[in-house]
Amino acid sequence: MGEAKRRQELGLPPREKKIKKDKKKAGFISNLSAKYPFLPFILGGVLLTVLIVDLLNYYK
C-alpha cells in the first residue's frame, strides 16, 4: 500500500475507483438502419409499387 501511504502523507484524499458504465446495446432496427441507411427508401419504393399495382388490378 505504498501509494495509499504516500497520498495520506501528502494530505490527498483516497483515489477514486473507476466505475465501468455498461454500454446500452442498440436495438435491431437501429443497427439495421445504421448498417444500411438506404433501406427505408428501397422499402418505401417497393411498398409504393405494390400499392400502385394493386390499385391498377382493382380497377380493371
Protein backbone atom coordinates (compact mmCIF):
# COMPACT_ATOMS: atom_id res chain seq x y z
CA MET A 1 0.00 0.00 0.00
CA GLY A 2 2.77 2.42 -0.91
CA GLU A 3 0.54 4.73 -2.89
CA ALA A 4 -2.06 4.92 -0.13
CA LYS A 5 0.54 5.94 2.46
CA ARG A 6 2.07 8.49 0.11
CA ARG A 7 -1.32 10.05 -0.61
CA GLN A 8 -2.08 10.17 3.11
CA GLU A 9 1.25 11.87 3.85
CA LEU A 10 0.60 14.46 1.14
CA GLY A 11 -2.87 15.12 2.55
CA LEU A 12 -4.63 13.88 -0.58
CA PRO A 13 -7.93 12.00 -0.41
CA PRO A 14 -8.01 8.30 -1.32
CA ARG A 15 -8.04 7.54 -5.00
CA GLU A 16 -11.49 7.19 -6.52
CA LYS A 17 -12.34 3.86 -8.06
CA LYS A 18 -13.12 3.86 -11.74
CA ILE A 19 -16.68 2.74 -12.39
CA LYS A 20 -17.29 0.95 -15.64
CA LYS A 21 -20.51 2.02 -17.31
CA ASP A 22 -22.46 -0.66 -19.11
CA LYS A 23 -22.92 0.29 -22.71
CA LYS A 24 -26.52 0.18 -23.79
CA LYS A 25 -26.97 -2.16 -26.71
CA ALA A 26 -28.72 -0.67 -29.68
CA GLY A 27 -31.85 -2.37 -30.95
CA PHE A 28 -32.20 -4.42 -34.10
CA ILE A 29 -33.83 -1.59 -36.07
CA SER A 30 -31.11 0.88 -35.05
CA ASN A 31 -28.34 -1.50 -36.08
CA LEU A 32 -30.05 -2.27 -39.36
CA SER A 33 -30.65 1.39 -40.25
CA ALA A 34 -27.07 2.28 -39.31
CA LYS A 35 -25.71 -0.51 -41.47
CA TYR A 36 -28.00 0.15 -44.46
CA PRO A 37 -29.08 3.83 -44.49
CA PHE A 38 -30.75 3.47 -47.92
CA LEU A 39 -33.05 0.64 -46.79
CA PRO A 40 -36.09 2.83 -45.90
CA PHE A 41 -36.09 4.31 -49.41
CA ILE A 42 -35.98 0.87 -51.01
CA LEU A 43 -38.76 -0.46 -48.78
CA GLY A 44 -40.86 2.66 -49.43
CA GLY A 45 -40.39 2.26 -53.19
CA VAL A 46 -41.34 -1.41 -53.08
CA LEU A 47 -44.42 -0.65 -50.97
CA LEU A 48 -45.49 2.16 -53.30
CA THR A 49 -45.04 -0.12 -56.34
CA VAL A 50 -47.12 -2.87 -54.74
CA LEU A 51 -49.88 -0.42 -53.86
CA ILE A 52 -49.98 1.04 -57.38
CA VAL A 53 -50.07 -2.43 -58.98
CA ASP A 54 -52.81 -3.49 -56.57
CA LEU A 55 -54.81 -0.33 -57.33
CA LEU A 56 -54.48 -0.91 -61.10
CA ASN A 57 -55.61 -4.54 -60.75
CA TYR A 58 -58.59 -3.47 -58.61
CA TYR A 59 -59.96 -1.04 -61.23
CA LYS A 60 -59.52 -3.37 -64.22
